[in-house]
Protein backbone atom coordinates (compact mmCIF):
# COMPACT_ATOMS: atom_id res chain seq x y z
CA MET A 1 44.32 16.10 -28.32
CA ASN A 2 41.47 18.02 -26.79
CA LYS A 3 40.32 21.20 -28.50
CA TYR A 4 39.87 22.89 -25.11
CA CYS A 5 41.62 22.35 -21.78
CA PRO A 6 39.31 20.32 -19.54
CA VAL A 7 40.47 22.28 -16.45
CA CYS A 8 40.64 25.94 -17.48
CA GLY A 9 38.87 26.00 -20.85
CA THR A 10 41.84 27.38 -22.82
CA ASN A 11 41.58 26.88 -26.57
CA LEU A 12 44.41 24.45 -27.38
CA GLU A 13 44.13 25.02 -31.13
CA PRO A 14 44.30 28.82 -31.45
CA GLU A 15 44.87 28.76 -35.22
CA GLN A 16 45.40 26.32 -38.03
CA GLY A 17 49.01 25.17 -38.21
CA PHE A 18 49.84 26.42 -34.72
CA TYR A 19 51.79 23.30 -33.81
CA THR A 20 53.97 23.38 -36.93
CA GLY A 21 56.66 25.07 -34.83
CA ALA A 22 56.71 22.01 -32.58
CA MET A 23 58.67 20.26 -35.34
CA TYR A 24 61.60 22.56 -34.59
CA VAL A 25 61.35 21.81 -30.88
CA SER A 26 61.24 18.09 -31.67
CA TYR A 27 64.32 18.47 -33.86
CA ALA A 28 66.14 20.20 -31.00
CA LEU A 29 65.20 17.35 -28.64
CA TYR A 30 66.55 14.76 -31.10
CA VAL A 31 69.77 16.72 -31.59
CA ALA A 32 70.23 17.00 -27.83
CA LEU A 33 69.71 13.24 -27.41
CA ILE A 34 72.08 12.33 -30.26
CA VAL A 35 74.84 14.72 -29.19
CA THR A 36 74.60 13.68 -25.55
CA THR A 37 74.71 10.00 -26.47
CA PHE A 38 77.61 10.50 -28.87
CA VAL A 39 79.67 12.51 -26.40
CA GLY A 40 78.86 10.19 -23.53
CA PHE A 41 79.59 6.90 -25.26
CA VAL A 42 82.09 7.68 -28.01
CA VAL A 43 84.14 10.50 -26.51
CA ILE A 44 84.04 9.73 -22.78
CA LEU A 45 83.56 5.93 -22.65
CA GLU A 46 85.37 5.30 -25.97
CA VAL A 47 82.74 2.89 -27.31
CA ASP A 48 82.86 2.03 -31.04
CA VAL A 49 80.74 4.36 -33.20
CA ASP A 50 79.04 1.45 -35.00
CA THR A 51 77.94 -0.04 -31.69
CA VAL A 52 76.51 3.30 -30.59
CA LEU A 53 74.60 3.68 -33.86
CA LYS A 54 73.17 0.16 -33.58
CA PHE A 55 71.86 1.14 -30.16
CA LEU A 56 70.83 4.71 -31.02
CA VAL A 57 68.70 4.12 -34.14
CA PRO A 58 66.15 1.83 -32.40
CA VAL A 59 66.07 4.20 -29.41
CA LEU A 60 65.25 7.13 -31.70
CA ILE A 61 62.39 5.15 -33.25
CA VAL A 62 61.00 4.22 -29.83
CA VAL A 63 61.16 7.77 -28.42
CA LEU A 64 59.45 9.30 -31.46
CA PRO A 65 55.90 9.41 -29.97
CA PRO A 66 56.98 10.78 -26.54
CA PHE A 67 59.23 13.39 -28.18
CA PHE A 68 56.37 14.41 -30.48
CA ARG A 69 54.03 14.93 -27.52
CA PHE A 70 56.69 16.64 -25.43
CA ALA A 71 57.54 19.01 -28.29
CA ARG A 72 53.88 19.99 -28.65
CA LEU A 73 53.70 20.57 -24.90
CA ILE A 74 56.81 22.78 -24.94
CA TRP A 75 55.52 24.72 -27.97
CA ALA A 76 52.12 25.30 -26.40
CA ASN A 77 53.69 26.49 -23.14
CA MET A 78 55.79 29.01 -25.03
CA PHE A 79 52.65 30.83 -26.21
CA MET A 80 49.88 29.92 -23.74
CA SER A 81 49.76 30.59 -20.03
CA TYR A 82 48.23 28.30 -17.47
CA LYS A 83 45.29 30.02 -15.84
CA GLY A 84 45.09 27.68 -12.86
CA VAL A 85 42.30 25.75 -11.25
CA GLU A 86 40.62 28.95 -10.02
CA ALA A 87 39.95 29.94 -13.63
CA SER A 88 38.29 26.60 -14.30
CA THR A 89 35.35 27.48 -12.09
CA LYS A 90 34.86 30.75 -13.96
CA SER A 91 35.27 29.41 -17.48
CA ALA A 92 34.28 25.77 -17.22
CA PHE A 93 31.38 26.26 -19.59
CA LYS A 94 32.86 29.12 -21.56
CA LYS A 95 34.04 27.60 -24.83
């Protein structure tokens, strides 16, 4: 991950341990996926729980990197604002 935004120059690492909170966002994403899958397949479609788990565990392993990145993106957007392309011309070299 870049230390500064290449467009607007925003510091993407404002303090040490800033992205620790992204773990909680990632956890919420996993819970949402698991609950949605469980309700959709087991409750609505009445698929066997063992079959759903055999499908769900590999899916959770595969989506780990995208969920990790997406959680960091959500966490950063909760505390940082996008300055826009106009700001990039003013602060392109201001780091």
